[in-house]
């Protein structure tokens, strides 16, 4: 749907993601602000954007698995850990360049995802969720007990370098993390519009009908699992080189639950929903982090425990409210706003 009075004159423009002059202007201005932000932005905000961008990459993979193909997975953080440790080992132990270790980390996570997910993909729904939960604990156990991963000590990760320049700060890593996030978003957006993406949606909506129409359920589920794990591996590699240290405790199961919550809050089956959900939940976590000490000071008789549990409690309340009042997520509200804008002044 386009604004009133605007018409597409060819098929290419009709299928384009950015279709109007105003959309191009807004996109270019947003990119200019985004790439110049480290020049005048606050250190805390730069670090927060880095963290949210890495999370967006991981949640994009989960969205392709869960939102588009209907595969519920609690293993996204485990595959992030695989990507992070793979990148750390390749760059720190074998002196690979970061630019080569980054895609290889995604591929390794995807291959491990296929190896672990092949038996799991013969089941679905709640049983698949439990199977991916088992994958998380298996990966955590292997990281702790393998010498090459540093065991309980962890691994130091060298910063990325290019032409003798080291990306060893939040400001410099910003110019790696954000472009990679935008590139992965472009890939996910276009993948969802291809034959593979349509097969994912068919499987999600009704796998029996999709099978009758000739869609290979096992093959496309395996492709979805590989792609989702590939995204997680890329996010893990970025995280490792941003933190310059990796340890198994940096990848808790609670983050996997938060990622699923981001998909639900943002909206299942939408790429833009990943941004809405990630930003909303990330800002909620930050707000709770700042509010917890204040709450403890106001109500000292409550002790530290209620304030420490405030983040988890707030997250649970938000998920319940969205499931009841807005099950299609923030992306649905955004679609309603765009429809009203495009129909203006004919609001009916």
C-alpha atoms as a PDB file:
ATOM      1  CA  UNK A   1       0.000   0.000   0.000  1.00  0.00           C
ATOM      2  CA  UNK A   2       1.331   3.430  -1.020  1.00  0.00           C
ATOM      3  CA  UNK A   3       0.319   6.983   0.015  1.00  0.00           C
ATOM      4  CA  UNK A   4      -2.708   8.386  -1.783  1.00  0.00           C
ATOM      5  CA  UNK A   5      -1.830   9.623  -5.261  1.00  0.00           C
ATOM      6  CA  UNK A   6       1.352   7.509  -5.554  1.00  0.00           C
ATOM      7  CA  UNK A   7       1.427   4.678  -8.095  1.00  0.00           C
ATOM      8  CA  UNK A   8       4.048   2.164  -9.179  1.00  0.00           C
ATOM      9  CA  UNK A   9       4.676   1.990 -12.912  1.00  0.00           C
ATOM     10  CA  UNK A  10       6.737  -1.203 -13.096  1.00  0.00           C
ATOM     11  CA  UNK A  11       7.082  -4.523 -11.273  1.00  0.00           C
ATOM     12  CA  UNK A  12      10.524  -3.690  -9.877  1.00  0.00           C
ATOM     13  CA  UNK A  13       9.270  -0.634  -8.016  1.00  0.00           C
ATOM     14  CA  UNK A  14       6.188  -2.529  -6.847  1.00  0.00           C
ATOM     15  CA  UNK A  15       8.315  -5.218  -5.159  1.00  0.00           C
ATOM     16  CA  UNK A  16      10.998  -2.874  -3.787  1.00  0.00           C
ATOM     17  CA  UNK A  17      11.433  -2.485  -0.028  1.00  0.00           C
ATOM     18  CA  UNK A  18      11.962   1.289  -0.300  1.00  0.00           C
ATOM     19  CA  UNK A  19       9.486   2.560  -2.864  1.00  0.00           C
ATOM     20  CA  UNK A  20       8.937   6.304  -2.494  1.00  0.00           C
ATOM     21  CA  UNK A  21      11.145   9.380  -2.509  1.00  0.00           C
ATOM     22  CA  UNK A  22      10.196  10.197   1.092  1.00  0.00           C
ATOM     23  CA  UNK A  23      11.189   6.711   2.216  1.00  0.00           C
ATOM     24  CA  UNK A  24      14.572   7.103   0.519  1.00  0.00           C
ATOM     25  CA  UNK A  25      15.128  10.488   2.184  1.00  0.00           C
ATOM     26  CA  UNK A  26      14.239   9.118   5.630  1.00  0.00           C
ATOM     27  CA  UNK A  27      16.459   6.071   5.086  1.00  0.00           C
ATOM     28  CA  UNK A  28      19.465   8.153   3.995  1.00  0.00           C
ATOM     29  CA  UNK A  29      19.058  10.596   6.894  1.00  0.00           C
ATOM     30  CA  UNK A  30      18.741   7.716   9.358  1.00  0.00           C
ATOM     31  CA  UNK A  31      21.941   6.109   8.009  1.00  0.00           C
ATOM     32  CA  UNK A  32      23.807   9.428   8.221  1.00  0.00           C
ATOM     33  CA  UNK A  33      22.766   9.878  11.852  1.00  0.00           C
ATOM     34  CA  UNK A  34      23.574   6.248  12.640  1.00  0.00           C
ATOM     35  CA  UNK A  35      27.092   6.316  11.183  1.00  0.00           C
ATOM     36  CA  UNK A  36      28.013   9.719  12.626  1.00  0.00           C
ATOM     37  CA  UNK A  37      26.657   8.990  16.107  1.00  0.00           C
ATOM     38  CA  UNK A  38      30.043   7.902  17.611  1.00  0.00           C
ATOM     39  CA  UNK A  39      31.409  11.375  16.767  1.00  0.00           C
ATOM     40  CA  UNK A  40      29.083  13.114  19.210  1.00  0.00           C
ATOM     41  CA  UNK A  41      27.255  10.352  21.093  1.00  0.00           C
ATOM     42  CA  UNK A  42      27.630   9.420  24.744  1.00  0.00           C
ATOM     43  CA  UNK A  43      29.923   6.489  25.597  1.00  0.00           C
ATOM     44  CA  UNK A  44      27.108   4.656  27.387  1.00  0.00           C
ATOM     45  CA  UNK A  45      24.729   5.028  24.431  1.00  0.00           C
ATOM     46  CA  UNK A  46      27.366   3.813  21.974  1.00  0.00           C
ATOM     47  CA  UNK A  47      27.897   0.687  24.069  1.00  0.00           C
ATOM     48  CA  UNK A  48      24.135   0.184  24.337  1.00  0.00           C
ATOM     49  CA  UNK A  49      23.710   0.435  20.557  1.00  0.00           C
ATOM     50  CA  UNK A  50      26.524  -2.090  20.086  1.00  0.00           C
ATOM     51  CA  UNK A  51      24.809  -4.495  22.479  1.00  0.00           C
ATOM     52  CA  UNK A  52      21.395  -4.048  20.854  1.00  0.00           C
ATOM     53  CA  UNK A  53      22.858  -4.468  17.354  1.00  0.00           C
ATOM     54  CA  UNK A  54      24.470  -7.789  18.307  1.00  0.00           C
ATOM     55  CA  UNK A  55      21.192  -8.879  19.891  1.00  0.00           C
ATOM     56  CA  UNK A  56      19.288  -7.887  16.745  1.00  0.00           C
ATOM     57  CA  UNK A  57      21.490 -10.184  14.637  1.00  0.00           C
ATOM     58  CA  UNK A  58      20.801 -13.117  16.963  1.00  0.00           C
ATOM     59  CA  UNK A  59      17.065 -12.385  17.179  1.00  0.00           C
ATOM     60  CA  UNK A  60      16.842 -12.076  13.379  1.00  0.00           C
ATOM     61  CA  UNK A  61      17.958 -15.697  13.163  1.00  0.00           C
ATOM     62  CA  UNK A  62      15.420 -16.694  15.790  1.00  0.00           C
ATOM     63  CA  UNK A  63      12.719 -14.788  13.909  1.00  0.00           C
ATOM     64  CA  UNK A  64      13.459 -16.733  10.722  1.00  0.00           C
ATOM     65  CA  UNK A  65      13.213 -20.002  12.670  1.00  0.00           C
ATOM     66  CA  UNK A  66      10.349 -19.201  15.025  1.00  0.00           C
ATOM     67  CA  UNK A  67       8.397 -16.378  13.401  1.00  0.00           C
ATOM     68  CA  UNK A  68       8.594 -17.568   9.804  1.00  0.00           C
ATOM     69  CA  UNK A  69       9.040 -21.354  10.063  1.00  0.00           C
ATOM     70  CA  UNK A  70       7.344 -21.995  13.399  1.00  0.00           C
ATOM     71  CA  UNK A  71      10.347 -23.684  15.075  1.00  0.00           C
ATOM     72  CA  UNK A  72      10.509 -22.785  18.774  1.00  0.00           C
ATOM     73  CA  UNK A  73      14.140 -22.767  19.910  1.00  0.00           C
ATOM     74  CA  UNK A  74      15.795 -22.160  23.262  1.00  0.00           C
ATOM     75  CA  UNK A  75      19.215 -22.848  21.748  1.00  0.00           C
ATOM     76  CA  UNK A  76      19.958 -19.487  20.140  1.00  0.00           C
ATOM     77  CA  UNK A  77      22.294 -18.390  22.940  1.00  0.00           C
ATOM     78  CA  UNK A  78      24.126 -21.731  22.786  1.00  0.00           C
ATOM     79  CA  UNK A  79      24.842 -21.194  19.089  1.00  0.00           C
ATOM     80  CA  UNK A  80      25.977 -17.659  19.888  1.00  0.00           C
ATOM     81  CA  UNK A  81      28.461 -19.243  22.290  1.00  0.00           C
ATOM     82  CA  UNK A  82      29.646 -21.599  19.531  1.00  0.00           C
ATOM     83  CA  UNK A  83      30.227 -18.646  17.205  1.00  0.00           C
ATOM     84  CA  UNK A  84      31.979 -16.651  19.929  1.00  0.00           C
ATOM     85  CA  UNK A  85      34.364 -19.446  20.952  1.00  0.00           C
ATOM     86  CA  UNK A  86      35.017 -20.416  17.339  1.00  0.00           C
ATOM     87  CA  UNK A  87      36.034 -16.848  16.512  1.00  0.00           C
ATOM     88  CA  UNK A  88      38.102 -16.600  19.703  1.00  0.00           C
ATOM     89  CA  UNK A  89      39.971 -19.842  18.932  1.00  0.00           C
ATOM     90  CA  UNK A  90      40.578 -18.999  15.273  1.00  0.00           C
ATOM     91  CA  UNK A  91      41.857 -15.476  15.948  1.00  0.00           C
ATOM     92  CA  UNK A  92      43.566 -16.025  19.299  1.00  0.00           C
ATOM     93  CA  UNK A  93      45.043 -19.519  18.879  1.00  0.00           C
ATOM     94  CA  UNK A  94      45.512 -19.841  15.123  1.00  0.00           C
ATOM     95  CA  UNK A  95      45.994 -16.128  14.294  1.00  0.00           C
ATOM     96  CA  UNK A  96      43.244 -15.965  11.710  1.00  0.00           C
ATOM     97  CA  UNK A  97      42.081 -12.478  10.686  1.00  0.00           C
ATOM     98  CA  UNK A  98      38.760 -11.418  12.163  1.00  0.00           C
ATOM     99  CA  UNK A  99      37.289 -10.793   8.719  1.00  0.00           C
ATOM    100  CA  UNK A 100      37.716 -14.479   7.861  1.00  0.00           C
ATOM    101  CA  UNK A 101      36.824 -15.805  11.312  1.00  0.00           C
ATOM    102  CA  UNK A 102      33.504 -13.906  11.303  1.00  0.00           C
ATOM    103  CA  UNK A 103      31.781 -15.824   8.459  1.00  0.00           C
ATOM    104  CA  UNK A 104      33.463 -19.097   9.463  1.00  0.00           C
ATOM    105  CA  UNK A 105      32.017 -18.719  12.978  1.00  0.00           C
ATOM    106  CA  UNK A 106      28.545 -18.410  11.486  1.00  0.00           C
ATOM    107  CA  UNK A 107      29.098 -21.453   9.272  1.00  0.00           C
ATOM    108  CA  UNK A 108      30.418 -23.546  12.185  1.00  0.00           C
ATOM    109  CA  UNK A 109      27.405 -22.591  14.306  1.00  0.00           C
ATOM    110  CA  UNK A 110      25.123 -23.492  11.408  1.00  0.00           C
ATOM    111  CA  UNK A 111      26.787 -26.866  10.842  1.00  0.00           C
ATOM    112  CA  UNK A 112      26.637 -27.698  14.567  1.00  0.00           C
ATOM    113  CA  UNK A 113      23.003 -26.603  14.482  1.00  0.00           C
ATOM    114  CA  UNK A 114      22.310 -29.070  11.677  1.00  0.00           C
ATOM    115  CA  UNK A 115      24.124 -31.860  13.542  1.00  0.00           C
ATOM    116  CA  UNK A 116      22.196 -31.173  16.736  1.00  0.00           C
ATOM    117  CA  UNK A 117      18.950 -30.218  15.115  1.00  0.00           C
ATOM    118  CA  UNK A 118      18.542 -33.069  12.635  1.00  0.00           C
ATOM    119  CA  UNK A 119      17.046 -35.485  15.179  1.00  0.00           C
ATOM    120  CA  UNK A 120      15.211 -32.646  16.931  1.00  0.00           C
ATOM    121  CA  UNK A 121      13.476 -31.476  13.746  1.00  0.00           C
ATOM    122  CA  UNK A 122      11.468 -34.688  13.513  1.00  0.00           C
ATOM    123  CA  UNK A 123       9.403 -33.316  16.375  1.00  0.00           C
ATOM    124  CA  UNK A 124       7.667 -29.976  16.729  1.00  0.00           C
ATOM    125  CA  UNK A 125       6.043 -27.581  19.150  1.00  0.00           C
ATOM    126  CA  UNK A 126       6.726 -28.050  22.847  1.00  0.00           C
ATOM    127  CA  UNK A 127       8.862 -31.147  22.243  1.00  0.00           C
ATOM    128  CA  UNK A 128      11.160 -29.247  19.881  1.00  0.00           C
ATOM    129  CA  UNK A 129      11.553 -26.494  22.490  1.00  0.00           C
ATOM    130  CA  UNK A 130      12.640 -29.064  25.081  1.00  0.00           C
ATOM    131  CA  UNK A 131      15.092 -30.620  22.609  1.00  0.00           C
ATOM    132  CA  UNK A 132      16.739 -27.241  21.910  1.00  0.00           C
ATOM    133  CA  UNK A 133      16.861 -26.655  25.661  1.00  0.00           C
ATOM    134  CA  UNK A 134      18.915 -29.841  25.919  1.00  0.00           C
ATOM    135  CA  UNK A 135      21.230 -28.552  23.170  1.00  0.00           C
ATOM    136  CA  UNK A 136      21.918 -25.449  25.275  1.00  0.00           C
ATOM    137  CA  UNK A 137      23.086 -27.495  28.256  1.00  0.00           C
ATOM    138  CA  UNK A 138      25.145 -29.860  26.098  1.00  0.00           C
ATOM    139  CA  UNK A 139      26.993 -26.936  24.492  1.00  0.00           C
ATOM    140  CA  UNK A 140      27.614 -25.307  27.897  1.00  0.00           C
ATOM    141  CA  UNK A 141      28.982 -28.604  29.271  1.00  0.00           C
ATOM    142  CA  UNK A 142      31.326 -29.066  26.307  1.00  0.00           C
ATOM    143  CA  UNK A 143      32.668 -25.512  26.570  1.00  0.00           C
ATOM    144  CA  UNK A 144      33.514 -26.032  30.237  1.00  0.00           C
ATOM    145  CA  UNK A 145      35.206 -29.423  29.740  1.00  0.00           C
ATOM    146  CA  UNK A 146      37.148 -28.837  26.498  1.00  0.00           C
ATOM    147  CA  UNK A 147      40.690 -27.491  26.864  1.00  0.00           C
ATOM    148  CA  UNK A 148      40.602 -25.611  23.559  1.00  0.00           C
ATOM    149  CA  UNK A 149      37.768 -23.395  24.847  1.00  0.00           C
ATOM    150  CA  UNK A 150      39.655 -22.419  27.976  1.00  0.00           C
ATOM    151  CA  UNK A 151      37.381 -24.409  30.282  1.00  0.00           C
ATOM    152  CA  UNK A 152      36.200 -22.474  33.321  1.00  0.00           C
ATOM    153  CA  UNK A 153      38.842 -19.780  32.709  1.00  0.00           C
ATOM    154  CA  UNK A 154      37.623 -18.572  29.312  1.00  0.00           C
ATOM    155  CA  UNK A 155      39.581 -17.081  26.433  1.00  0.00           C
ATOM    156  CA  UNK A 156      40.986 -13.660  25.679  1.00  0.00           C
ATOM    157  CA  UNK A 157      40.078 -12.456  22.194  1.00  0.00           C
ATOM    158  CA  UNK A 158      42.266 -10.120  20.127  1.00  0.00           C
ATOM    159  CA  UNK A 159      40.557  -7.036  18.656  1.00  0.00           C
ATOM    160  CA  UNK A 160      39.912  -6.911  14.903  1.00  0.00           C
ATOM    161  CA  UNK A 161      42.553  -5.097  12.864  1.00  0.00           C
ATOM    162  CA  UNK A 162      42.619  -3.532   9.407  1.00  0.00           C
ATOM    163  CA  UNK A 163      45.707  -1.938   7.815  1.00  0.00           C
ATOM    164  CA  UNK A 164      47.405  -1.778  11.196  1.00  0.00           C
ATOM    165  CA  UNK A 165      44.437  -0.126  12.938  1.00  0.00           C
ATOM    166  CA  UNK A 166      42.952  -1.975  15.922  1.00  0.00           C
ATOM    167  CA  UNK A 167      39.209  -1.871  16.629  1.00  0.00           C
ATOM    168  CA  UNK A 168      39.646  -2.036  20.401  1.00  0.00           C
ATOM    169  CA  UNK A 169      37.019   0.380  21.753  1.00  0.00           C
ATOM    170  CA  UNK A 170      33.255   0.843  21.726  1.00  0.00           C
ATOM    171  CA  UNK A 171      33.554   3.650  19.189  1.00  0.00           C
ATOM    172  CA  UNK A 172      35.686   1.681  16.733  1.00  0.00           C
ATOM    173  CA  UNK A 173      33.773  -1.598  17.130  1.00  0.00           C
ATOM    174  CA  UNK A 174      30.602   0.391  16.428  1.00  0.00           C
ATOM    175  CA  UNK A 175      31.729   0.697  12.792  1.00  0.00           C
ATOM    176  CA  UNK A 176      31.965  -3.095  12.531  1.00  0.00           C
ATOM    177  CA  UNK A 177      28.935  -4.171  14.561  1.00  0.00           C
ATOM    178  CA  UNK A 178      26.378  -1.760  13.069  1.00  0.00           C
ATOM    179  CA  UNK A 179      27.269  -2.365   9.370  1.00  0.00           C
ATOM    180  CA  UNK A 180      27.198  -6.147   9.942  1.00  0.00           C
ATOM    181  CA  UNK A 181      23.811  -5.789  11.635  1.00  0.00           C
ATOM    182  CA  UNK A 182      22.462  -3.806   8.678  1.00  0.00           C
ATOM    183  CA  UNK A 183      23.882  -6.348   6.218  1.00  0.00           C
ATOM    184  CA  UNK A 184      22.283  -9.263   8.088  1.00  0.00           C
ATOM    185  CA  UNK A 185      18.986  -7.363   8.243  1.00  0.00           C
ATOM    186  CA  UNK A 186      19.089  -6.841   4.471  1.00  0.00           C
ATOM    187  CA  UNK A 187      19.775 -10.565   3.987  1.00  0.00           C
ATOM    188  CA  UNK A 188      16.941 -11.600   6.328  1.00  0.00           C
ATOM    189  CA  UNK A 189      14.473  -9.180   4.750  1.00  0.00           C
ATOM    190  CA  UNK A 190      15.165 -10.448   1.247  1.00  0.00           C
ATOM    191  CA  UNK A 191      15.244 -14.097   2.317  1.00  0.00           C
ATOM    192  CA  UNK A 192      11.744 -13.754   3.758  1.00  0.00           C
ATOM    193  CA  UNK A 193      10.520 -12.574   0.324  1.00  0.00           C
ATOM    194  CA  UNK A 194      12.018 -15.493  -1.638  1.00  0.00           C
ATOM    195  CA  UNK A 195      10.726 -18.986  -2.405  1.00  0.00           C
ATOM    196  CA  UNK A 196      12.488 -20.245   0.728  1.00  0.00           C
ATOM    197  CA  UNK A 197      10.770 -17.643   2.882  1.00  0.00           C
ATOM    198  CA  UNK A 198       7.371 -18.512   1.434  1.00  0.00           C
ATOM    199  CA  UNK A 199       8.068 -22.193   2.145  1.00  0.00           C
ATOM    200  CA  UNK A 200       8.876 -21.258   5.760  1.00  0.00           C
ATOM    201  CA  UNK A 201       5.555 -19.449   6.116  1.00  0.00           C
ATOM    202  CA  UNK A 202       3.661 -22.362   4.567  1.00  0.00           C
ATOM    203  CA  UNK A 203       5.229 -24.768   7.064  1.00  0.00           C
ATOM    204  CA  UNK A 204       4.446 -22.430   9.949  1.00  0.00           C
ATOM    205  CA  UNK A 205       0.817 -21.962   8.979  1.00  0.00           C
ATOM    206  CA  UNK A 206       0.002 -25.589   8.180  1.00  0.00           C
ATOM    207  CA  UNK A 207       2.771 -28.118   7.714  1.00  0.00           C
ATOM    208  CA  UNK A 208       0.389 -30.812   6.442  1.00  0.00           C
ATOM    209  CA  UNK A 209      -0.959 -28.530   3.704  1.00  0.00           C
ATOM    210  CA  UNK A 210       2.595 -27.458   2.838  1.00  0.00           C
ATOM    211  CA  UNK A 211       3.637 -31.101   2.492  1.00  0.00           C
ATOM    212  CA  UNK A 212       0.676 -31.802   0.211  1.00  0.00           C
ATOM    213  CA  UNK A 213       1.723 -28.860  -1.995  1.00  0.00           C
ATOM    214  CA  UNK A 214       5.187 -30.368  -2.414  1.00  0.00           C
ATOM    215  CA  UNK A 215       7.155 -28.500   0.249  1.00  0.00           C
ATOM    216  CA  UNK A 216       9.821 -30.756   1.772  1.00  0.00           C
ATOM    217  CA  UNK A 217       9.212 -30.244   5.490  1.00  0.00           C
ATOM    218  CA  UNK A 218      12.455 -31.764   6.717  1.00  0.00           C
ATOM    219  CA  UNK A 219      14.658 -29.992   4.183  1.00  0.00           C
ATOM    220  CA  UNK A 220      13.196 -26.531   4.734  1.00  0.00           C
ATOM    221  CA  UNK A 221      13.148 -26.956   8.509  1.00  0.00           C
ATOM    222  CA  UNK A 222      16.815 -27.899   8.313  1.00  0.00           C
ATOM    223  CA  UNK A 223      17.519 -24.834   6.155  1.00  0.00           C
ATOM    224  CA  UNK A 224      15.693 -22.625   8.666  1.00  0.00           C
ATOM    225  CA  UNK A 225      17.670 -24.146  11.527  1.00  0.00           C
ATOM    226  CA  UNK A 226      20.978 -23.642   9.694  1.00  0.00           C
ATOM    227  CA  UNK A 227      20.198 -20.022   8.830  1.00  0.00           C
ATOM    228  CA  UNK A 228      19.026 -19.232  12.358  1.00  0.00           C
ATOM    229  CA  UNK A 229      22.173 -20.769  13.857  1.00  0.00           C
ATOM    230  CA  UNK A 230      24.327 -18.968  11.264  1.00  0.00           C
ATOM    231  CA  UNK A 231      22.910 -15.638  12.445  1.00  0.00           C
ATOM    232  CA  UNK A 232      23.585 -16.647  16.062  1.00  0.00           C
ATOM    233  CA  UNK A 233      27.185 -17.548  15.185  1.00  0.00           C
ATOM    234  CA  UNK A 234      27.750 -14.163  13.542  1.00  0.00           C
ATOM    235  CA  UNK A 235      26.308 -12.428  16.615  1.00  0.00           C
ATOM    236  CA  UNK A 236      28.540 -14.512  18.884  1.00  0.00           C
ATOM    237  CA  UNK A 237      31.653 -13.601  16.905  1.00  0.00           C
ATOM    238  CA  UNK A 238      30.804  -9.897  17.099  1.00  0.00           C
ATOM    239  CA  UNK A 239      30.172 -10.220  20.828  1.00  0.00           C
ATOM    240  CA  UNK A 240      33.494 -11.979  21.432  1.00  0.00           C
ATOM    241  CA  UNK A 241      35.554  -9.313  19.683  1.00  0.00           C
ATOM    242  CA  UNK A 242      33.557  -6.490  21.248  1.00  0.00           C
ATOM    243  CA  UNK A 243      34.126  -7.839  24.774  1.00  0.00           C
ATOM    244  CA  UNK A 244      37.637  -9.176  23.923  1.00  0.00           C
ATOM    245  CA  UNK A 245      36.947 -12.046  26.312  1.00  0.00           C
ATOM    246  CA  UNK A 246      34.597 -15.023  26.217  1.00  0.00           C
ATOM    247  CA  UNK A 247      33.357 -17.241  29.012  1.00  0.00           C
ATOM    248  CA  UNK A 248      30.490 -19.707  29.204  1.00  0.00           C
ATOM    249  CA  UNK A 249      28.720 -17.584  31.844  1.00  0.00           C
ATOM    250  CA  UNK A 250      28.291 -14.799  29.285  1.00  0.00           C
ATOM    251  CA  UNK A 251      25.698 -16.987  27.523  1.00  0.00           C
ATOM    252  CA  UNK A 252      23.026 -17.872  30.120  1.00  0.00           C
ATOM    253  CA  UNK A 253      19.736 -19.594  29.367  1.00  0.00           C
ATOM    254  CA  UNK A 254      17.845 -16.513  30.555  1.00  0.00           C
ATOM    255  CA  UNK A 255      19.089 -14.656  27.464  1.00  0.00           C
ATOM    256  CA  UNK A 256      17.453 -17.323  25.271  1.00  0.00           C
ATOM    257  CA  UNK A 257      14.163 -16.639  27.053  1.00  0.00           C
ATOM    258  CA  UNK A 258      14.643 -12.893  26.567  1.00  0.00           C
ATOM    259  CA  UNK A 259      15.249 -13.440  22.833  1.00  0.00           C
ATOM    260  CA  UNK A 260      11.977 -15.353  22.489  1.00  0.00           C
ATOM    261  CA  UNK A 261      10.275 -12.519  24.375  1.00  0.00           C
ATOM    262  CA  UNK A 262      11.745 -10.000  21.931  1.00  0.00           C
ATOM    263  CA  UNK A 263      10.234 -11.934  19.019  1.00  0.00           C
ATOM    264  CA  UNK A 264       6.829 -12.039  20.747  1.00  0.00           C
ATOM    265  CA  UNK A 265       6.841  -8.358  21.752  1.00  0.00           C
ATOM    266  CA  UNK A 266       8.070  -7.203  18.350  1.00  0.00           C
ATOM    267  CA  UNK A 267       5.739  -9.435  16.372  1.00  0.00           C
ATOM    268  CA  UNK A 268       6.072 -12.934  14.945  1.00  0.00           C
ATOM    269  CA  UNK A 269       6.869 -13.162  11.254  1.00  0.00           C
ATOM    270  CA  UNK A 270       8.120  -9.592  10.721  1.00  0.00           C
ATOM    271  CA  UNK A 271      11.672  -8.317  10.301  1.00  0.00           C
ATOM    272  CA  UNK A 272      10.814  -4.868  11.623  1.00  0.00           C
ATOM    273  CA  UNK A 273       9.350  -6.555  14.698  1.00  0.00           C
ATOM    274  CA  UNK A 274      12.854  -7.731  15.608  1.00  0.00           C
ATOM    275  CA  UNK A 275      13.948  -4.097  15.967  1.00  0.00           C
ATOM    276  CA  UNK A 276      10.865  -3.098  17.950  1.00  0.00           C
ATOM    277  CA  UNK A 277      11.113  -6.082  20.288  1.00  0.00           C
ATOM    278  CA  UNK A 278      14.871  -5.842  20.820  1.00  0.00           C
ATOM    279  CA  UNK A 279      14.852  -2.113  21.521  1.00  0.00           C
ATOM    280  CA  UNK A 280      11.787  -2.357  23.788  1.00  0.00           C
ATOM    281  CA  UNK A 281      13.081  -5.251  25.916  1.00  0.00           C
ATOM    282  CA  UNK A 282      16.652  -3.885  25.996  1.00  0.00           C
ATOM    283  CA  UNK A 283      15.465  -0.488  27.223  1.00  0.00           C
ATOM    284  CA  UNK A 284      13.203  -2.226  29.752  1.00  0.00           C
ATOM    285  CA  UNK A 285      16.203  -4.146  31.116  1.00  0.00           C
ATOM    286  CA  UNK A 286      18.266  -0.960  31.306  1.00  0.00           C
ATOM    287  CA  UNK A 287      15.445   0.893  33.070  1.00  0.00           C
ATOM    288  CA  UNK A 288      15.069  -1.903  35.614  1.00  0.00           C
ATOM    289  CA  UNK A 289      18.848  -1.905  36.184  1.00  0.00           C
ATOM    290  CA  UNK A 290      18.728   1.781  37.113  1.00  0.00           C
ATOM    291  CA  UNK A 291      15.483   1.469  39.091  1.00  0.00           C
ATOM    292  CA  UNK A 292      16.513  -1.480  41.288  1.00  0.00           C
ATOM    293  CA  UNK A 293      18.890   0.466  43.601  1.00  0.00           C
ATOM    294  CA  UNK A 294      16.300   3.238  43.941  1.00  0.00           C
ATOM    295  CA  UNK A 295      13.620   0.707  44.842  1.00  0.00           C
ATOM    296  CA  UNK A 296      15.894  -0.790  47.493  1.00  0.00           C
ATOM    297  CA  UNK A 297      16.491   2.677  48.959  1.00  0.00           C
ATOM    298  CA  UNK A 298      12.786   3.487  49.075  1.00  0.00           C
ATOM    299  CA  UNK A 299      11.789   0.186  50.668  1.00  0.00           C
ATOM    300  CA  UNK A 300      14.757  -1.024  52.739  1.00  0.00           C
ATOM    301  CA  UNK A 301      12.575  -3.480  54.661  1.00  0.00           C
ATOM    302  CA  UNK A 302      12.041  -5.473  51.444  1.00  0.00           C
ATOM    303  CA  UNK A 303      15.728  -6.303  51.178  1.00  0.00           C
ATOM    304  CA  UNK A 304      17.780  -6.824  48.033  1.00  0.00           C
ATOM    305  CA  UNK A 305      16.010  -9.917  46.682  1.00  0.00           C
ATOM    306  CA  UNK A 306      12.800  -8.222  45.396  1.00  0.00           C
ATOM    307  CA  UNK A 307      14.820  -5.519  43.646  1.00  0.00           C
ATOM    308  CA  UNK A 308      17.102  -8.130  42.069  1.00  0.00           C
ATOM    309  CA  UNK A 309      14.061 -10.029  40.769  1.00  0.00           C
ATOM    310  CA  UNK A 310      12.450  -6.869  39.368  1.00  0.00           C
ATOM    311  CA  UNK A 311      13.900  -7.381  35.882  1.00  0.00           C
ATOM    312  CA  UNK A 312      12.587 -10.924  35.486  1.00  0.00           C
ATOM    313  CA  UNK A 313       9.225  -9.961  36.983  1.00  0.00           C
ATOM    314  CA  UNK A 314       8.834  -6.947  34.680  1.00  0.00           C
ATOM    315  CA  UNK A 315       9.770  -9.083  31.667  1.00  0.00           C
ATOM    316  CA  UNK A 316       7.161 -11.700  32.611  1.00  0.00           C
ATOM    317  CA  UNK A 317       4.446  -9.069  33.090  1.00  0.00           C
ATOM    318  CA  UNK A 318       5.239  -7.483  29.718  1.00  0.00           C
ATOM    319  CA  UNK A 319       5.051 -10.837  27.900  1.00  0.00           C
ATOM    320  CA  UNK A 320       1.704 -11.687  29.515  1.00  0.00           C
ATOM    321  CA  UNK A 321       0.266  -8.271  28.649  1.00  0.00           C
ATOM    322  CA  UNK A 322       1.371  -8.528  25.027  1.00  0.00           C
ATOM    323  CA  UNK A 323      -0.003 -12.054  24.665  1.00  0.00           C
ATOM    324  CA  UNK A 324      -3.382 -10.878  26.003  1.00  0.00           C
ATOM    325  CA  UNK A 325      -3.787  -7.401  24.502  1.00  0.00           C
ATOM    326  CA  UNK A 326      -1.425  -7.314  21.489  1.00  0.00           C
ATOM    327  CA  UNK A 327      -0.555 -10.868  20.393  1.00  0.00           C
ATOM    328  CA  UNK A 328       0.702  -9.644  17.016  1.00  0.00           C
ATOM    329  CA  UNK A 329       3.273  -7.404  18.686  1.00  0.00           C
ATOM    330  CA  UNK A 330       4.466  -3.853  18.138  1.00  0.00           C
ATOM    331  CA  UNK A 331       4.859  -4.502  14.411  1.00  0.00           C
ATOM    332  CA  UNK A 332       1.048  -4.707  14.167  1.00  0.00           C
ATOM    333  CA  UNK A 333       0.726  -1.233  15.752  1.00  0.00           C
ATOM    334  CA  UNK A 334       3.332   0.031  13.298  1.00  0.00           C
ATOM    335  CA  UNK A 335       1.363  -1.446  10.373  1.00  0.00           C
ATOM    336  CA  UNK A 336      -1.807   0.281  11.592  1.00  0.00           C
ATOM    337  CA  UNK A 337       0.037   3.603  11.828  1.00  0.00           C
ATOM    338  CA  UNK A 338       1.460   3.223   8.306  1.00  0.00           C
ATOM    339  CA  UNK A 339      -1.966   2.340   6.901  1.00  0.00           C
ATOM    340  CA  UNK A 340      -3.563   5.422   8.482  1.00  0.00           C
ATOM    341  CA  UNK A 341      -0.731   7.622   7.192  1.00  0.00           C
ATOM    342  CA  UNK A 342      -0.912   6.232   3.672  1.00  0.00           C
ATOM    343  CA  UNK A 343      -4.700   6.610   3.476  1.00  0.00           C
ATOM    344  CA  UNK A 344      -4.673  10.163   4.776  1.00  0.00           C
ATOM    345  CA  UNK A 345      -6.827  12.240   4.289  1.00  0.00           C
ATOM    346  CA  UNK A 346      -9.250   9.373   3.542  1.00  0.00           C
ATOM    347  CA  UNK A 347      -9.200   7.865   7.043  1.00  0.00           C
ATOM    348  CA  UNK A 348     -12.183   5.614   6.360  1.00  0.00           C
END
